[in-house]
Amino acid sequence: EREAVSCIWGSDGRTDYGDSVKGRFTISRDKA
């Protein structure tokens, strides 16, 4: 099944990660 890996909030830039990728993956936005 399709699973959520990570997400980043639009309001404050908070991030969240799935347990299987925590500590290995990093989500980010560019300045623009």
PDB file of all heavy atoms in Angstrom:
ATOM      1  N   GLU A   1       0.833  -1.199   0.000  1.00  0.00           N
ATOM      2  CA  GLU A   1       0.000   0.000   0.000  1.00  0.00           C
ATOM      3  C   GLU A   1       0.868   1.250   0.000  1.00  0.00           C
ATOM      4  O   GLU A   1       2.006   1.233   0.477  1.00  0.00           O
ATOM      5  CB  GLU A   1      -0.918  -0.002   1.228  1.00  0.00           C
ATOM      6  CG  GLU A   1      -1.974  -1.081   1.202  1.00  0.00           C
ATOM      7  CD  GLU A   1      -2.962  -0.941   2.346  1.00  0.00           C
ATOM      8  OE1 GLU A   1      -2.782  -0.043   3.180  1.00  0.00           O
ATOM      9  OE2 GLU A   1      -3.918  -1.729   2.391  1.00  0.00           O
ATOM     10  N   ARG A   2       0.302   2.335  -0.513  1.00  0.00           N
ATOM     11  CA  ARG A   2       1.006   3.609  -0.491  1.00  0.00           C
ATOM     12  C   ARG A   2       1.080   4.096   0.946  1.00  0.00           C
ATOM     13  O   ARG A   2       0.090   4.065   1.679  1.00  0.00           O
ATOM     14  CB  ARG A   2       0.262   4.614  -1.361  1.00  0.00           C
ATOM     15  CG  ARG A   2       1.036   5.865  -1.646  1.00  0.00           C
ATOM     16  CD  ARG A   2       0.377   6.652  -2.768  1.00  0.00           C
ATOM     17  NE  ARG A   2       0.329   5.874  -3.998  1.00  0.00           N
ATOM     18  CZ  ARG A   2      -0.138   6.344  -5.148  1.00  0.00           C
ATOM     19  NH1 ARG A   2      -0.609   7.584  -5.219  1.00  0.00           N
ATOM     20  NH2 ARG A   2      -0.159   5.583  -6.212  1.00  0.00           N
ATOM     21  N   GLU A   3       2.247   4.545   1.363  1.00  0.00           N
ATOM     22  CA  GLU A   3       2.433   4.985   2.750  1.00  0.00           C
ATOM     23  C   GLU A   3       3.025   6.392   2.786  1.00  0.00           C
ATOM     24  O   GLU A   3       3.813   6.776   1.906  1.00  0.00           O
ATOM     25  CB  GLU A   3       3.350   4.023   3.515  1.00  0.00           C
ATOM     26  CG  GLU A   3       4.757   3.946   2.986  1.00  0.00           C
ATOM     27  CD  GLU A   3       5.693   3.137   3.886  1.00  0.00           C
ATOM     28  OE1 GLU A   3       5.344   2.901   5.057  1.00  0.00           O
ATOM     29  OE2 GLU A   3       6.784   2.781   3.409  1.00  0.00           O
ATOM     30  N   ALA A   4       2.666   7.128   3.825  1.00  0.00           N
ATOM     31  CA  ALA A   4       3.238   8.462   4.023  1.00  0.00           C
ATOM     32  C   ALA A   4       4.655   8.322   4.562  1.00  0.00           C
ATOM     33  O   ALA A   4       4.890   7.569   5.506  1.00  0.00           O
ATOM     34  CB  ALA A   4       2.378   9.267   4.977  1.00  0.00           C
ATOM     35  N   VAL A   5       5.577   9.036   3.948  1.00  0.00           N
ATOM     36  CA  VAL A   5       6.978   8.996   4.363  1.00  0.00           C
ATOM     37  C   VAL A   5       7.315  10.188   5.237  1.00  0.00           C
ATOM     38  O   VAL A   5       7.926  10.047   6.300  1.00  0.00           O
ATOM     39  CB  VAL A   5       7.889   8.995   3.120  1.00  0.00           C
ATOM     40  CG1 VAL A   5       9.357   9.095   3.521  1.00  0.00           C
ATOM     41  CG2 VAL A   5       7.639   7.743   2.285  1.00  0.00           C
ATOM     42  N   SER A   6       6.885  11.361   4.802  1.00  0.00           N
ATOM     43  CA  SER A   6       7.216  12.577   5.529  1.00  0.00           C
ATOM     44  C   SER A   6       6.305  13.696   5.052  1.00  0.00           C
ATOM     45  O   SER A   6       5.738  13.633   3.956  1.00  0.00           O
ATOM     46  CB  SER A   6       8.680  12.953   5.277  1.00  0.00           C
ATOM     47  OG  SER A   6       9.029  14.131   5.961  1.00  0.00           O
ATOM     48  N   CYS A   7       6.157  14.720   5.872  1.00  0.00           N
ATOM     49  CA  CYS A   7       5.402  15.891   5.456  1.00  0.00           C
ATOM     50  C   CYS A   7       5.948  17.124   6.155  1.00  0.00           C
ATOM     51  O   CYS A   7       6.602  17.023   7.203  1.00  0.00           O
ATOM     52  CB  CYS A   7       3.909  15.731   5.728  1.00  0.00           C
ATOM     53  SG  CYS A   7       3.478  15.423   7.443  1.00  0.00           S
ATOM     54  N   ILE A   8       5.678  18.272   5.550  1.00  0.00           N
ATOM     55  CA  ILE A   8       6.112  19.538   6.117  1.00  0.00           C
ATOM     56  C   ILE A   8       4.917  20.482   6.098  1.00  0.00           C
ATOM     57  O   ILE A   8       4.235  20.625   5.084  1.00  0.00           O
ATOM     58  CB  ILE A   8       7.327  20.102   5.348  1.00  0.00           C
ATOM     59  CG1 ILE A   8       7.851  21.369   6.012  1.00  0.00           C
ATOM     60  CG2 ILE A   8       7.021  20.326   3.862  1.00  0.00           C
ATOM     61  CD1 ILE A   8       9.244  21.786   5.515  1.00  0.00           C
ATOM     62  N   TRP A   9       4.679  21.113   7.241  1.00  0.00           N
ATOM     63  CA  TRP A   9       3.519  21.995   7.362  1.00  0.00           C
ATOM     64  C   TRP A   9       3.727  23.286   6.569  1.00  0.00           C
ATOM     65  O   TRP A   9       4.847  23.789   6.462  1.00  0.00           O
ATOM     66  CB  TRP A   9       3.313  22.341   8.839  1.00  0.00           C
ATOM     67  CG  TRP A   9       2.388  21.432   9.561  1.00  0.00           C
ATOM     68  CD1 TRP A   9       1.145  21.720  10.029  1.00  0.00           C
ATOM     69  CD2 TRP A   9       2.634  20.065   9.929  1.00  0.00           C
ATOM     70  NE1 TRP A   9       0.604  20.641  10.676  1.00  0.00           N
ATOM     71  CE2 TRP A   9       1.492  19.602  10.628  1.00  0.00           C
ATOM     72  CE3 TRP A   9       3.700  19.182   9.741  1.00  0.00           C
ATOM     73  CZ2 TRP A   9       1.382  18.307  11.131  1.00  0.00           C
ATOM     74  CZ3 TRP A   9       3.604  17.885  10.229  1.00  0.00           C
ATOM     75  CH2 TRP A   9       2.456  17.463  10.912  1.00  0.00           C
ATOM     76  N   GLY A  10       2.604  23.832   6.090  1.00  0.00           N
ATOM     77  CA  GLY A  10       2.673  25.100   5.400  1.00  0.00           C
ATOM     78  C   GLY A  10       2.701  26.277   6.354  1.00  0.00           C
ATOM     79  O   GLY A  10       3.278  27.316   6.063  1.00  0.00           O
ATOM     80  N   SER A  11       2.076  26.130   7.514  1.00  0.00           N
ATOM     81  CA  SER A  11       1.915  27.245   8.439  1.00  0.00           C
ATOM     82  C   SER A  11       3.203  27.604   9.178  1.00  0.00           C
ATOM     83  O   SER A  11       3.527  28.778   9.327  1.00  0.00           O
ATOM     84  CB  SER A  11       0.824  26.910   9.451  1.00  0.00           C
ATOM     85  OG  SER A  11       1.119  25.687  10.103  1.00  0.00           O
ATOM     86  N   ASP A  12       3.917  26.589   9.646  1.00  0.00           N
ATOM     87  CA  ASP A  12       5.083  26.879  10.482  1.00  0.00           C
ATOM     88  C   ASP A  12       6.307  26.033  10.171  1.00  0.00           C
ATOM     89  O   ASP A  12       7.296  26.099  10.897  1.00  0.00           O
ATOM     90  CB  ASP A  12       4.723  26.731  11.961  1.00  0.00           C
ATOM     91  CG  ASP A  12       4.200  25.340  12.297  1.00  0.00           C
ATOM     92  OD1 ASP A  12       4.292  24.439  11.437  1.00  0.00           O
ATOM     93  OD2 ASP A  12       3.685  25.162  13.416  1.00  0.00           O
ATOM     94  N   GLY A  13       6.227  25.223   9.124  1.00  0.00           N
ATOM     95  CA  GLY A  13       7.393  24.453   8.721  1.00  0.00           C
ATOM     96  C   GLY A  13       7.685  23.235   9.578  1.00  0.00           C
ATOM     97  O   GLY A  13       8.759  22.624   9.449  1.00  0.00           O
ATOM     98  N   ARG A  14       6.744  22.887  10.480  1.00  0.00           N
ATOM     99  CA  ARG A  14       6.949  21.649  11.234  1.00  0.00           C
ATOM    100  C   ARG A  14       7.078  20.479  10.278  1.00  0.00           C
ATOM    101  O   ARG A  14       6.572  20.508   9.171  1.00  0.00           O
ATOM    102  CB  ARG A  14       5.758  21.392  12.156  1.00  0.00           C
ATOM    103  CG  ARG A  14       5.748  22.183  13.451  1.00  0.00           C
ATOM    104  CD  ARG A  14       4.485  21.883  14.224  1.00  0.00           C
ATOM    105  NE  ARG A  14       3.308  22.395  13.543  1.00  0.00           N
ATOM    106  CZ  ARG A  14       2.087  21.908  13.681  1.00  0.00           C
ATOM    107  NH1 ARG A  14       1.889  20.855  14.462  1.00  0.00           N
ATOM    108  NH2 ARG A  14       1.078  22.455  13.041  1.00  0.00           N
ATOM    109  N   THR A  15       7.741  19.444  10.744  1.00  0.00           N
ATOM    110  CA  THR A  15       7.925  18.254   9.921  1.00  0.00           C
ATOM    111  C   THR A  15       7.502  17.006  10.687  1.00  0.00           C
ATOM    112  O   THR A  15       7.478  16.994  11.917  1.00  0.00           O
ATOM    113  CB  THR A  15       9.388  18.111   9.480  1.00  0.00           C
ATOM    114  OG1 THR A  15      10.228  18.037  10.641  1.00  0.00           O
ATOM    115  CG2 THR A  15       9.838  19.295   8.627  1.00  0.00           C
ATOM    116  N   ASP A  16       7.187  15.984   9.949  1.00  0.00           N
ATOM    117  CA  ASP A  16       6.837  14.703  10.550  1.00  0.00           C
ATOM    118  C   ASP A  16       7.386  13.608   9.645  1.00  0.00           C
ATOM    119  O   ASP A  16       7.498  13.801   8.422  1.00  0.00           O
ATOM    120  CB  ASP A  16       5.322  14.573  10.701  1.00  0.00           C
ATOM    121  CG  ASP A  16       4.935  13.474  11.678  1.00  0.00           C
ATOM    122  OD1 ASP A  16       5.834  12.930  12.356  1.00  0.00           O
ATOM    123  OD2 ASP A  16       3.729  13.148  11.777  1.00  0.00           O
ATOM    124  N   TYR A  17       7.718  12.470  10.248  1.00  0.00           N
ATOM    125  CA  TYR A  17       8.319  11.374   9.495  1.00  0.00           C
ATOM    126  C   TYR A  17       7.707  10.044   9.906  1.00  0.00           C
ATOM    127  O   TYR A  17       7.334   9.835  11.060  1.00  0.00           O
ATOM    128  CB  TYR A  17       9.835  11.312   9.753  1.00  0.00           C
ATOM    129  CG  TYR A  17      10.584  12.537   9.307  1.00  0.00           C
ATOM    130  CD1 TYR A  17      10.785  13.609  10.169  1.00  0.00           C
ATOM    131  CD2 TYR A  17      11.071  12.640   8.014  1.00  0.00           C
ATOM    132  CE1 TYR A  17      11.455  14.746   9.761  1.00  0.00           C
ATOM    133  CE2 TYR A  17      11.752  13.768   7.587  1.00  0.00           C
ATOM    134  CZ  TYR A  17      11.929  14.818   8.468  1.00  0.00           C
ATOM    135  OH  TYR A  17      12.599  15.947   8.047  1.00  0.00           O
ATOM    136  N   GLY A  18       7.657   9.132   8.946  1.00  0.00           N
ATOM    137  CA  GLY A  18       7.266   7.774   9.269  1.00  0.00           C
ATOM    138  C   GLY A  18       8.366   7.109  10.094  1.00  0.00           C
ATOM    139  O   GLY A  18       9.547   7.462   9.959  1.00  0.00           O
ATOM    140  N   ASP A  19       7.988   6.136  10.908  1.00  0.00           N
ATOM    141  CA  ASP A  19       8.961   5.493  11.792  1.00  0.00           C
ATOM    142  C   ASP A  19      10.116   4.854  11.017  1.00  0.00           C
ATOM    143  O   ASP A  19      11.253   4.827  11.495  1.00  0.00           O
ATOM    144  CB  ASP A  19       8.265   4.426  12.638  1.00  0.00           C
ATOM    145  CG  ASP A  19       7.372   5.034  13.703  1.00  0.00           C
ATOM    146  OD1 ASP A  19       7.557   6.226  14.032  1.00  0.00           O
ATOM    147  OD2 ASP A  19       6.472   4.326  14.200  1.00  0.00           O
ATOM    148  N   SER A  20       9.824   4.347   9.825  1.00  0.00           N
ATOM    149  CA  SER A  20      10.848   3.628   9.075  1.00  0.00           C
ATOM    150  C   SER A  20      11.923   4.542   8.487  1.00  0.00           C
ATOM    151  O   SER A  20      12.976   4.052   8.066  1.00  0.00           O
ATOM    152  CB  SER A  20      10.197   2.813   7.950  1.00  0.00           C
ATOM    153  OG  SER A  20       9.546   3.669   7.036  1.00  0.00           O
ATOM    154  N   VAL A  21      11.668   5.846   8.450  1.00  0.00           N
ATOM    155  CA  VAL A  21      12.649   6.752   7.834  1.00  0.00           C
ATOM    156  C   VAL A  21      13.204   7.779   8.806  1.00  0.00           C
ATOM    157  O   VAL A  21      14.090   8.559   8.437  1.00  0.00           O
ATOM    158  CB  VAL A  21      12.052   7.470   6.608  1.00  0.00           C
ATOM    159  CG1 VAL A  21      11.493   6.468   5.612  1.00  0.00           C
ATOM    160  CG2 VAL A  21      10.999   8.488   7.022  1.00  0.00           C
ATOM    161  N   LYS A  22      12.711   7.810  10.028  1.00  0.00           N
ATOM    162  CA  LYS A  22      13.183   8.792  11.013  1.00  0.00           C
ATOM    163  C   LYS A  22      14.690   8.661  11.215  1.00  0.00           C
ATOM    164  O   LYS A  22      15.212   7.552  11.368  1.00  0.00           O
ATOM    165  CB  LYS A  22      12.467   8.594  12.351  1.00  0.00           C
ATOM    166  CG  LYS A  22      11.079   9.189  12.387  1.00  0.00           C
ATOM    167  CD  LYS A  22      10.425   8.964  13.751  1.00  0.00           C
ATOM    168  CE  LYS A  22       9.015   9.532  13.758  1.00  0.00           C
ATOM    169  NZ  LYS A  22       8.311   9.266  15.032  1.00  0.00           N
ATOM    170  N   GLY A  23      15.354   9.798  11.204  1.00  0.00           N
ATOM    171  CA  GLY A  23      16.797   9.802  11.386  1.00  0.00           C
ATOM    172  C   GLY A  23      17.578   9.596  10.103  1.00  0.00           C
ATOM    173  O   GLY A  23      18.794   9.757  10.089  1.00  0.00           O
ATOM    174  N   ARG A  24      16.895   9.229   9.030  1.00  0.00           N
ATOM    175  CA  ARG A  24      17.588   8.989   7.751  1.00  0.00           C
ATOM    176  C   ARG A  24      17.137   9.970   6.671  1.00  0.00           C
ATOM    177  O   ARG A  24      17.932  10.365   5.824  1.00  0.00           O
ATOM    178  CB  ARG A  24      17.320   7.563   7.266  1.00  0.00           C
ATOM    179  CG  ARG A  24      17.793   6.481   8.212  1.00  0.00           C
ATOM    180  CD  ARG A  24      17.679   5.104   7.564  1.00  0.00           C
ATOM    181  NE  ARG A  24      16.301   4.751   7.225  1.00  0.00           N
ATOM    182  CZ  ARG A  24      15.889   4.423   6.008  1.00  0.00           C
ATOM    183  NH1 ARG A  24      16.737   4.413   4.993  1.00  0.00           N
ATOM    184  NH2 ARG A  24      14.624   4.090   5.782  1.00  0.00           N
ATOM    185  N   PHE A  25      15.876  10.347   6.692  1.00  0.00           N
ATOM    186  CA  PHE A  25      15.317  11.228   5.660  1.00  0.00           C
ATOM    187  C   PHE A  25      15.083  12.622   6.262  1.00  0.00           C
ATOM    188  O   PHE A  25      14.737  12.746   7.446  1.00  0.00           O
ATOM    189  CB  PHE A  25      13.989  10.686   5.143  1.00  0.00           C
ATOM    190  CG  PHE A  25      14.094   9.443   4.299  1.00  0.00           C
ATOM    191  CD1 PHE A  25      15.269   8.704   4.217  1.00  0.00           C
ATOM    192  CD2 PHE A  25      12.995   9.009   3.576  1.00  0.00           C
ATOM    193  CE1 PHE A  25      15.354   7.562   3.439  1.00  0.00           C
ATOM    194  CE2 PHE A  25      13.062   7.866   2.793  1.00  0.00           C
ATOM    195  CZ  PHE A  25      14.243   7.145   2.728  1.00  0.00           C
ATOM    196  N   THR A  26      15.224  13.639   5.426  1.00  0.00           N
ATOM    197  CA  THR A  26      14.967  15.009   5.849  1.00  0.00           C
ATOM    198  C   THR A  26      14.154  15.721   4.773  1.00  0.00           C
ATOM    199  O   THR A  26      14.558  15.760   3.605  1.00  0.00           O
ATOM    200  CB  THR A  26      16.274  15.779   6.083  1.00  0.00           C
ATOM    201  OG1 THR A  26      17.069  15.090   7.055  1.00  0.00           O
ATOM    202  CG2 THR A  26      15.983  17.186   6.589  1.00  0.00           C
ATOM    203  N   ILE A  27      13.026  16.295   5.188  1.00  0.00           N
ATOM    204  CA  ILE A  27      12.191  17.051   4.263  1.00  0.00           C
ATOM    205  C   ILE A  27      12.461  18.540   4.476  1.00  0.00           C
ATOM    206  O   ILE A  27      12.688  18.985   5.609  1.00  0.00           O
ATOM    207  CB  ILE A  27      10.695  16.716   4.466  1.00  0.00           C
ATOM    208  CG1 ILE A  27       9.845  17.285   3.338  1.00  0.00           C
ATOM    209  CG2 ILE A  27      10.201  17.185   5.828  1.00  0.00           C
ATOM    210  CD1 ILE A  27       8.386  16.789   3.368  1.00  0.00           C
ATOM    211  N   SER A  28      12.435  19.313   3.402  1.00  0.00           N
ATOM    212  CA  SER A  28      12.724  20.734   3.532  1.00  0.00           C
ATOM    213  C   SER A  28      12.085  21.505   2.377  1.00  0.00           C
ATOM    214  O   SER A  28      11.745  20.928   1.336  1.00  0.00           O
ATOM    215  CB  SER A  28      14.230  20.979   3.535  1.00  0.00           C
ATOM    216  OG  SER A  28      14.812  20.565   2.303  1.00  0.00           O
ATOM    217  N   ARG A  29      11.947  22.809   2.605  1.00  0.00           N
ATOM    218  CA  ARG A  29      11.457  23.710   1.549  1.00  0.00           C
ATOM    219  C   ARG A  29      12.604  24.622   1.131  1.00  0.00           C
ATOM    220  O   ARG A  29      13.445  24.985   1.962  1.00  0.00           O
ATOM    221  CB  ARG A  29      10.351  24.607   2.077  1.00  0.00           C
ATOM    222  CG  ARG A  29       9.076  23.932   2.473  1.00  0.00           C
ATOM    223  CD  ARG A  29       8.108  24.967   3.043  1.00  0.00           C
ATOM    224  NE  ARG A  29       6.863  24.375   3.471  1.00  0.00           N
ATOM    225  CZ  ARG A  29       5.796  24.234   2.702  1.00  0.00           C
ATOM    226  NH1 ARG A  29       5.832  24.672   1.455  1.00  0.00           N
ATOM    227  NH2 ARG A  29       4.701  23.678   3.154  1.00  0.00           N
ATOM    228  N   ASP A  30      12.615  25.047  -0.113  1.00  0.00           N
ATOM    229  CA  ASP A  30      13.582  26.075  -0.481  1.00  0.00           C
ATOM    230  C   ASP A  30      13.028  27.429  -0.037  1.00  0.00           C
ATOM    231  O   ASP A  30      11.860  27.570   0.296  1.00  0.00           O
ATOM    232  CB  ASP A  30      13.866  26.034  -1.981  1.00  0.00           C
ATOM    233  CG  ASP A  30      12.696  26.524  -2.818  1.00  0.00           C
ATOM    234  OD1 ASP A  30      11.543  26.490  -2.331  1.00  0.00           O
ATOM    235  OD2 ASP A  30      12.925  26.928  -3.967  1.00  0.00           O
ATOM    236  N   LYS A  31      13.880  28.450  -0.027  1.00  0.00           N
ATOM    237  CA  LYS A  31      13.491  29.757   0.517  1.00  0.00           C
ATOM    238  C   LYS A  31      12.369  30.405  -0.289  1.00  0.00           C
ATOM    239  O   LYS A  31      11.591  31.182   0.234  1.00  0.00           O
ATOM    240  CB  LYS A  31      14.706  30.671   0.578  1.00  0.00           C
ATOM    241  CG  LYS A  31      15.710  30.255   1.649  1.00  0.00           C
ATOM    242  CD  LYS A  31      16.847  31.250   1.774  1.00  0.00           C
ATOM    243  CE  LYS A  31      17.806  30.845   2.876  1.00  0.00           C
ATOM    244  NZ  LYS A  31      18.926  31.804   3.030  1.00  0.00           N
ATOM    245  N   ALA A  32      12.291  30.101  -1.534  1.00  0.00           N
ATOM    246  CA  ALA A  32      11.240  30.671  -2.376  1.00  0.00           C
ATOM    247  C   ALA A  32       9.932  29.900  -2.262  1.00  0.00           C
ATOM    248  O   ALA A  32       8.931  30.287  -2.868  1.00  0.00           O
ATOM    249  CB  ALA A  32      11.702  30.684  -3.834  1.00  0.00           C
TER     250      ALA A  32
END
